[in-house]
């Protein structure tokens, strides 16, 4: 692995500064993709809540009926 120079000209043998910059540059792209896929988990949450309400209603109906 090649040695890279940090912002003050210090030696950065692990290349962590370069890796951090690559991570920061990639972050806005992942944030833009999140709203498009956020409807999936929301639909799953609604279905899960509905299923829980139905199960509770069925148990109450059997217990009281």
PDB file of N, CA and C in Angstrom:
ATOM      1  N   UNK A   1       0.854  -1.172   0.000  1.00  0.00           N
ATOM      2  CA  UNK A   1       0.000   0.000   0.000  1.00  0.00           C
ATOM      3  C   UNK A   1       0.898   1.232   0.000  1.00  0.00           C
ATOM      4  N   UNK A   2       0.583   2.208  -0.779  1.00  0.00           N
ATOM      5  CA  UNK A   2       1.406   3.397  -0.888  1.00  0.00           C
ATOM      6  C   UNK A   2       1.153   4.328   0.281  1.00  0.00           C
ATOM      7  N   UNK A   3       2.198   4.997   0.721  1.00  0.00           N
ATOM      8  CA  UNK A   3       2.049   5.970   1.791  1.00  0.00           C
ATOM      9  C   UNK A   3       1.401   7.221   1.229  1.00  0.00           C
ATOM     10  N   UNK A   4       0.438   7.746   1.954  1.00  0.00           N
ATOM     11  CA  UNK A   4      -0.229   8.975   1.518  1.00  0.00           C
ATOM     12  C   UNK A   4       0.120  10.104   2.459  1.00  0.00           C
ATOM     13  N   UNK A   5      -0.008  11.301   2.011  1.00  0.00           N
ATOM     14  CA  UNK A   5       0.291  12.469   2.822  1.00  0.00           C
ATOM     15  C   UNK A   5      -0.989  13.020   3.430  1.00  0.00           C
ATOM     16  N   UNK A   6      -0.976  13.304   4.715  1.00  0.00           N
ATOM     17  CA  UNK A   6      -2.122  13.884   5.399  1.00  0.00           C
ATOM     18  C   UNK A   6      -2.237  15.365   5.077  1.00  0.00           C
ATOM     19  N   UNK A   7      -3.201  16.044   5.684  1.00  0.00           N
ATOM     20  CA  UNK A   7      -3.422  17.464   5.379  1.00  0.00           C
ATOM     21  C   UNK A   7      -2.249  18.354   5.768  1.00  0.00           C
ATOM     22  N   UNK A   8      -1.478  18.013   6.813  1.00  0.00           N
ATOM     23  CA  UNK A   8      -0.333  18.827   7.208  1.00  0.00           C
ATOM     24  C   UNK A   8       0.966  18.278   6.625  1.00  0.00           C
ATOM     25  N   UNK A   9       0.883  17.338   5.741  1.00  0.00           N
ATOM     26  CA  UNK A   9       2.081  16.766   5.147  1.00  0.00           C
ATOM     27  C   UNK A   9       2.674  15.645   5.979  1.00  0.00           C
ATOM     28  N   UNK A  10       1.973  15.204   7.012  1.00  0.00           N
ATOM     29  CA  UNK A  10       2.481  14.108   7.836  1.00  0.00           C
ATOM     30  C   UNK A  10       2.227  12.787   7.129  1.00  0.00           C
ATOM     31  N   UNK A  11       3.012  11.805   7.457  1.00  0.00           N
ATOM     32  CA  UNK A  11       2.900  10.503   6.826  1.00  0.00           C
ATOM     33  C   UNK A  11       1.671   9.771   7.371  1.00  0.00           C
ATOM     34  N   UNK A  12       0.841   9.239   6.494  1.00  0.00           N
ATOM     35  CA  UNK A  12      -0.361   8.498   6.869  1.00  0.00           C
ATOM     36  C   UNK A  12      -0.238   7.096   6.277  1.00  0.00           C
ATOM     37  N   UNK A  13       0.494   6.188   6.932  1.00  0.00           N
ATOM     38  CA  UNK A  13       0.786   4.883   6.337  1.00  0.00           C
ATOM     39  C   UNK A  13      -0.449   4.025   6.108  1.00  0.00           C
ATOM     40  N   UNK A  14      -1.488   4.169   6.913  1.00  0.00           N
ATOM     41  CA  UNK A  14      -2.680   3.342   6.749  1.00  0.00           C
ATOM     42  C   UNK A  14      -3.616   3.902   5.682  1.00  0.00           C
ATOM     43  N   UNK A  15      -3.414   5.133   5.283  1.00  0.00           N
ATOM     44  CA  UNK A  15      -4.298   5.740   4.303  1.00  0.00           C
ATOM     45  C   UNK A  15      -5.670   6.069   4.888  1.00  0.00           C
ATOM     46  N   UNK A  16      -5.749   6.254   6.207  1.00  0.00           N
ATOM     47  CA  UNK A  16      -7.045   6.462   6.843  1.00  0.00           C
ATOM     48  C   UNK A  16      -7.692   7.772   6.403  1.00  0.00           C
ATOM     49  N   UNK A  17      -6.892   8.787   6.131  1.00  0.00           N
ATOM     50  CA  UNK A  17      -7.452  10.059   5.668  1.00  0.00           C
ATOM     51  C   UNK A  17      -8.118   9.871   4.315  1.00  0.00           C
ATOM     52  N   UNK A  18      -7.466   9.144   3.446  1.00  0.00           N
ATOM     53  CA  UNK A  18      -8.032   8.891   2.123  1.00  0.00           C
ATOM     54  C   UNK A  18      -9.304   8.057   2.242  1.00  0.00           C
ATOM     55  N   UNK A  19      -9.293   7.062   3.120  1.00  0.00           N
ATOM     56  CA  UNK A  19     -10.480   6.229   3.304  1.00  0.00           C
ATOM     57  C   UNK A  19     -11.625   7.047   3.896  1.00  0.00           C
ATOM     58  N   UNK A  20     -11.316   7.947   4.825  1.00  0.00           N
ATOM     59  CA  UNK A  20     -12.348   8.791   5.424  1.00  0.00           C
ATOM     60  C   UNK A  20     -12.962   9.717   4.378  1.00  0.00           C
ATOM     61  N   UNK A  21     -12.121  10.290   3.545  1.00  0.00           N
ATOM     62  CA  UNK A  21     -12.645  11.173   2.491  1.00  0.00           C
ATOM     63  C   UNK A  21     -13.532  10.403   1.520  1.00  0.00           C
ATOM     64  N   UNK A  22     -13.160   9.174   1.199  1.00  0.00           N
ATOM     65  CA  UNK A  22     -13.998   8.359   0.317  1.00  0.00           C
ATOM     66  C   UNK A  22     -15.331   8.059   0.986  1.00  0.00           C
ATOM     67  N   UNK A  23     -15.323   7.813   2.298  1.00  0.00           N
ATOM     68  CA  UNK A  23     -16.565   7.561   3.040  1.00  0.00           C
ATOM     69  C   UNK A  23     -17.445   8.802   3.050  1.00  0.00           C
ATOM     70  N   UNK A  24     -16.864   9.970   3.294  1.00  0.00           N
ATOM     71  CA  UNK A  24     -17.634  11.211   3.334  1.00  0.00           C
ATOM     72  C   UNK A  24     -18.210  11.522   1.956  1.00  0.00           C
ATOM     73  N   UNK A  25     -17.445  11.255   0.903  1.00  0.00           N
ATOM     74  CA  UNK A  25     -17.932  11.515  -0.454  1.00  0.00           C
ATOM     75  C   UNK A  25     -19.075  10.578  -0.827  1.00  0.00           C
ATOM     76  N   UNK A  26     -19.089   9.355  -0.296  1.00  0.00           N
ATOM     77  CA  UNK A  26     -20.153   8.397  -0.598  1.00  0.00           C
ATOM     78  C   UNK A  26     -21.407   8.624   0.228  1.00  0.00           C
ATOM     79  N   UNK A  27     -21.318   9.287   1.371  1.00  0.00           N
ATOM     80  CA  UNK A  27     -22.452   9.444   2.287  1.00  0.00           C
ATOM     81  C   UNK A  27     -23.656  10.158   1.655  1.00  0.00           C
ATOM     82  N   UNK A  28     -23.503  11.282   0.937  1.00  0.00           N
ATOM     83  CA  UNK A  28     -24.708  11.926   0.377  1.00  0.00           C
ATOM     84  C   UNK A  28     -25.455  11.037  -0.611  1.00  0.00           C
ATOM     85  N   UNK A  29     -24.763  10.184  -1.336  1.00  0.00           N
ATOM     86  CA  UNK A  29     -25.438   9.311  -2.287  1.00  0.00           C
ATOM     87  C   UNK A  29     -26.324   8.317  -1.555  1.00  0.00           C
ATOM     88  N   UNK A  30     -25.868   7.786  -0.421  1.00  0.00           N
ATOM     89  CA  UNK A  30     -26.682   6.824   0.309  1.00  0.00           C
ATOM     90  C   UNK A  30     -27.874   7.518   0.961  1.00  0.00           C
ATOM     91  N   UNK A  31     -27.741   8.777   1.330  1.00  0.00           N
ATOM     92  CA  UNK A  31     -28.869   9.509   1.906  1.00  0.00           C
ATOM     93  C   UNK A  31     -29.934   9.779   0.851  1.00  0.00           C
ATOM     94  N   UNK A  32     -29.523  10.004  -0.372  1.00  0.00           N
ATOM     95  CA  UNK A  32     -30.499  10.266  -1.435  1.00  0.00           C
ATOM     96  C   UNK A  32     -31.284   9.004  -1.769  1.00  0.00           C
ATOM     97  N   UNK A  33     -30.679   7.842  -1.613  1.00  0.00           N
ATOM     98  CA  UNK A  33     -31.358   6.590  -1.935  1.00  0.00           C
ATOM     99  C   UNK A  33     -32.328   6.180  -0.839  1.00  0.00           C
ATOM    100  N   UNK A  34     -32.145   6.682   0.378  1.00  0.00           N
ATOM    101  CA  UNK A  34     -32.975   6.258   1.501  1.00  0.00           C
ATOM    102  C   UNK A  34     -34.455   6.624   1.349  1.00  0.00           C
ATOM    103  N   UNK A  35     -34.832   7.844   0.952  1.00  0.00           N
ATOM    104  CA  UNK A  35     -36.268   8.147   0.867  1.00  0.00           C
ATOM    105  C   UNK A  35     -37.017   7.283  -0.149  1.00  0.00           C
ATOM    106  N   UNK A  36     -36.361   6.847  -1.180  1.00  0.00           N
ATOM    107  CA  UNK A  36     -37.042   6.028  -2.187  1.00  0.00           C
ATOM    108  C   UNK A  36     -37.396   4.654  -1.626  1.00  0.00           C
ATOM    109  N   UNK A  37     -36.587   4.127  -0.696  1.00  0.00           N
ATOM    110  CA  UNK A  37     -36.844   2.804  -0.158  1.00  0.00           C
ATOM    111  C   UNK A  37     -37.507   2.846   1.212  1.00  0.00           C
ATOM    112  N   UNK A  38     -37.838   4.026   1.716  1.00  0.00           N
ATOM    113  CA  UNK A  38     -38.406   4.114   3.062  1.00  0.00           C
ATOM    114  C   UNK A  38     -39.848   3.644   3.106  1.00  0.00           C
ATOM    115  N   UNK A  39     -40.532   3.551   1.966  1.00  0.00           N
ATOM    116  CA  UNK A  39     -41.914   3.086   1.984  1.00  0.00           C
ATOM    117  C   UNK A  39     -41.995   1.589   2.282  1.00  0.00           C
ATOM    118  N   UNK A  40     -40.963   0.819   1.976  1.00  0.00           N
ATOM    119  CA  UNK A  40     -40.952  -0.613   2.248  1.00  0.00           C
ATOM    120  C   UNK A  40     -41.064  -0.936   3.728  1.00  0.00           C
ATOM    121  N   UNK A  41     -40.162  -0.435   4.564  1.00  0.00           N
ATOM    122  CA  UNK A  41     -40.274  -0.710   5.998  1.00  0.00           C
ATOM    123  C   UNK A  41     -41.560  -0.131   6.607  1.00  0.00           C
ATOM    124  N   UNK A  42     -42.030   0.987   6.092  1.00  0.00           N
ATOM    125  CA  UNK A  42     -43.246   1.584   6.632  1.00  0.00           C
ATOM    126  C   UNK A  42     -44.442   0.686   6.361  1.00  0.00           C
ATOM    127  N   UNK A  43     -44.520   0.108   5.164  1.00  0.00           N
ATOM    128  CA  UNK A  43     -45.616  -0.805   4.833  1.00  0.00           C
ATOM    129  C   UNK A  43     -45.538  -2.042   5.715  1.00  0.00           C
ATOM    130  N   UNK A  44     -44.342  -2.556   5.922  1.00  0.00           N
ATOM    131  CA  UNK A  44     -44.168  -3.713   6.790  1.00  0.00           C
ATOM    132  C   UNK A  44     -44.593  -3.427   8.223  1.00  0.00           C
ATOM    133  N   UNK A  45     -44.295  -2.234   8.702  1.00  0.00           N
ATOM    134  CA  UNK A  45     -44.691  -1.848  10.050  1.00  0.00           C
ATOM    135  C   UNK A  45     -46.209  -1.775  10.172  1.00  0.00           C
ATOM    136  N   UNK A  46     -46.865  -1.193   9.193  1.00  0.00           N
ATOM    137  CA  UNK A  46     -48.331  -1.095   9.210  1.00  0.00           C
ATOM    138  C   UNK A  46     -48.957  -2.482   9.179  1.00  0.00           C
ATOM    139  N   UNK A  47     -48.443  -3.358   8.331  1.00  0.00           N
ATOM    140  CA  UNK A  47     -48.974  -4.725   8.243  1.00  0.00           C
ATOM    141  C   UNK A  47     -48.751  -5.453   9.566  1.00  0.00           C
ATOM    142  N   UNK A  48     -47.603  -5.260  10.184  1.00  0.00           N
ATOM    143  CA  UNK A  48     -47.319  -5.893  11.460  1.00  0.00           C
ATOM    144  C   UNK A  48     -48.259  -5.421  12.567  1.00  0.00           C
ATOM    145  N   UNK A  49     -48.518  -4.134  12.609  1.00  0.00           N
ATOM    146  CA  UNK A  49     -49.438  -3.589  13.611  1.00  0.00           C
ATOM    147  C   UNK A  49     -50.844  -4.114  13.370  1.00  0.00           C
ATOM    148  N   UNK A  50     -51.264  -4.141  12.119  1.00  0.00           N
ATOM    149  CA  UNK A  50     -52.593  -4.669  11.795  1.00  0.00           C
ATOM    150  C   UNK A  50     -52.711  -6.134  12.211  1.00  0.00           C
ATOM    151  N   UNK A  51     -51.698  -6.927  11.941  1.00  0.00           N
ATOM    152  CA  UNK A  51     -51.724  -8.340  12.318  1.00  0.00           C
ATOM    153  C   UNK A  51     -51.797  -8.489  13.837  1.00  0.00           C
ATOM    154  N   UNK A  52     -51.063  -7.662  14.576  1.00  0.00           N
ATOM    155  CA  UNK A  52     -51.093  -7.723  16.035  1.00  0.00           C
ATOM    156  C   UNK A  52     -52.476  -7.360  16.568  1.00  0.00           C
ATOM    157  N   UNK A  53     -53.105  -6.345  15.978  1.00  0.00           N
ATOM    158  CA  UNK A  53     -54.451  -5.950  16.405  1.00  0.00           C
ATOM    159  C   UNK A  53     -55.445  -7.077  16.133  1.00  0.00           C
ATOM    160  N   UNK A  54     -55.329  -7.729  14.997  1.00  0.00           N
ATOM    161  CA  UNK A  54     -56.238  -8.832  14.654  1.00  0.00           C
ATOM    162  C   UNK A  54     -56.049  -9.999  15.628  1.00  0.00           C
ATOM    163  N   UNK A  55     -54.792 -10.313  15.951  1.00  0.00           N
ATOM    164  CA  UNK A  55     -54.529 -11.412  16.886  1.00  0.00           C
ATOM    165  C   UNK A  55     -55.090 -11.079  18.263  1.00  0.00           C
ATOM    166  N   UNK A  56     -54.894  -9.863  18.742  1.00  0.00           N
ATOM    167  CA  UNK A  56     -55.408  -9.469  20.046  1.00  0.00           C
ATOM    168  C   UNK A  56     -56.932  -9.507  20.043  1.00  0.00           C
ATOM    169  N   UNK A  57     -57.549  -9.036  18.964  1.00  0.00           N
ATOM    170  CA  UNK A  57     -59.023  -9.067  18.865  1.00  0.00           C
ATOM    171  C   UNK A  57     -59.538 -10.514  18.868  1.00  0.00           C
ATOM    172  N   UNK A  58     -58.857 -11.405  18.162  1.00  0.00           N
ATOM    173  CA  UNK A  58     -59.275 -12.804  18.106  1.00  0.00           C
ATOM    174  C   UNK A  58     -59.145 -13.464  19.476  1.00  0.00           C
ATOM    175  N   UNK A  59     -58.052 -13.190  20.182  1.00  0.00           N
ATOM    176  CA  UNK A  59     -57.863 -13.763  21.525  1.00  0.00           C
ATOM    177  C   UNK A  59     -58.915 -13.217  22.482  1.00  0.00           C
ATOM    178  N   UNK A  60     -59.218 -11.927  22.401  1.00  0.00           N
ATOM    179  CA  UNK A  60     -60.243 -11.338  23.264  1.00  0.00           C
ATOM    180  C   UNK A  60     -61.607 -11.929  22.945  1.00  0.00           C
ATOM    181  N   UNK A  61     -61.903 -12.140  21.662  1.00  0.00           N
ATOM    182  CA  UNK A  61     -63.200 -12.706  21.255  1.00  0.00           C
ATOM    183  C   UNK A  61     -63.353 -14.143  21.767  1.00  0.00           C
ATOM    184  N   UNK A  62     -62.260 -14.915  21.669  1.00  0.00           N
ATOM    185  CA  UNK A  62     -62.304 -16.293  22.163  1.00  0.00           C
ATOM    186  C   UNK A  62     -62.409 -16.332  23.697  1.00  0.00           C
ATOM    187  N   UNK A  63     -61.738 -15.431  24.365  1.00  0.00           N
ATOM    188  CA  UNK A  63     -61.757 -15.428  25.822  1.00  0.00           C
ATOM    189  C   UNK A  63     -63.115 -14.982  26.367  1.00  0.00           C
ATOM    190  N   UNK A  64     -63.727 -14.018  25.706  1.00  0.00           N
ATOM    191  CA  UNK A  64     -64.998 -13.473  26.185  1.00  0.00           C
ATOM    192  C   UNK A  64     -66.217 -14.182  25.605  1.00  0.00           C
ATOM    193  N   UNK A  65     -66.021 -14.916  24.526  1.00  0.00           N
ATOM    194  CA  UNK A  65     -67.159 -15.524  23.831  1.00  0.00           C
ATOM    195  C   UNK A  65     -67.541 -16.884  24.292  1.00  0.00           C
TER     196      UNK A  65
END
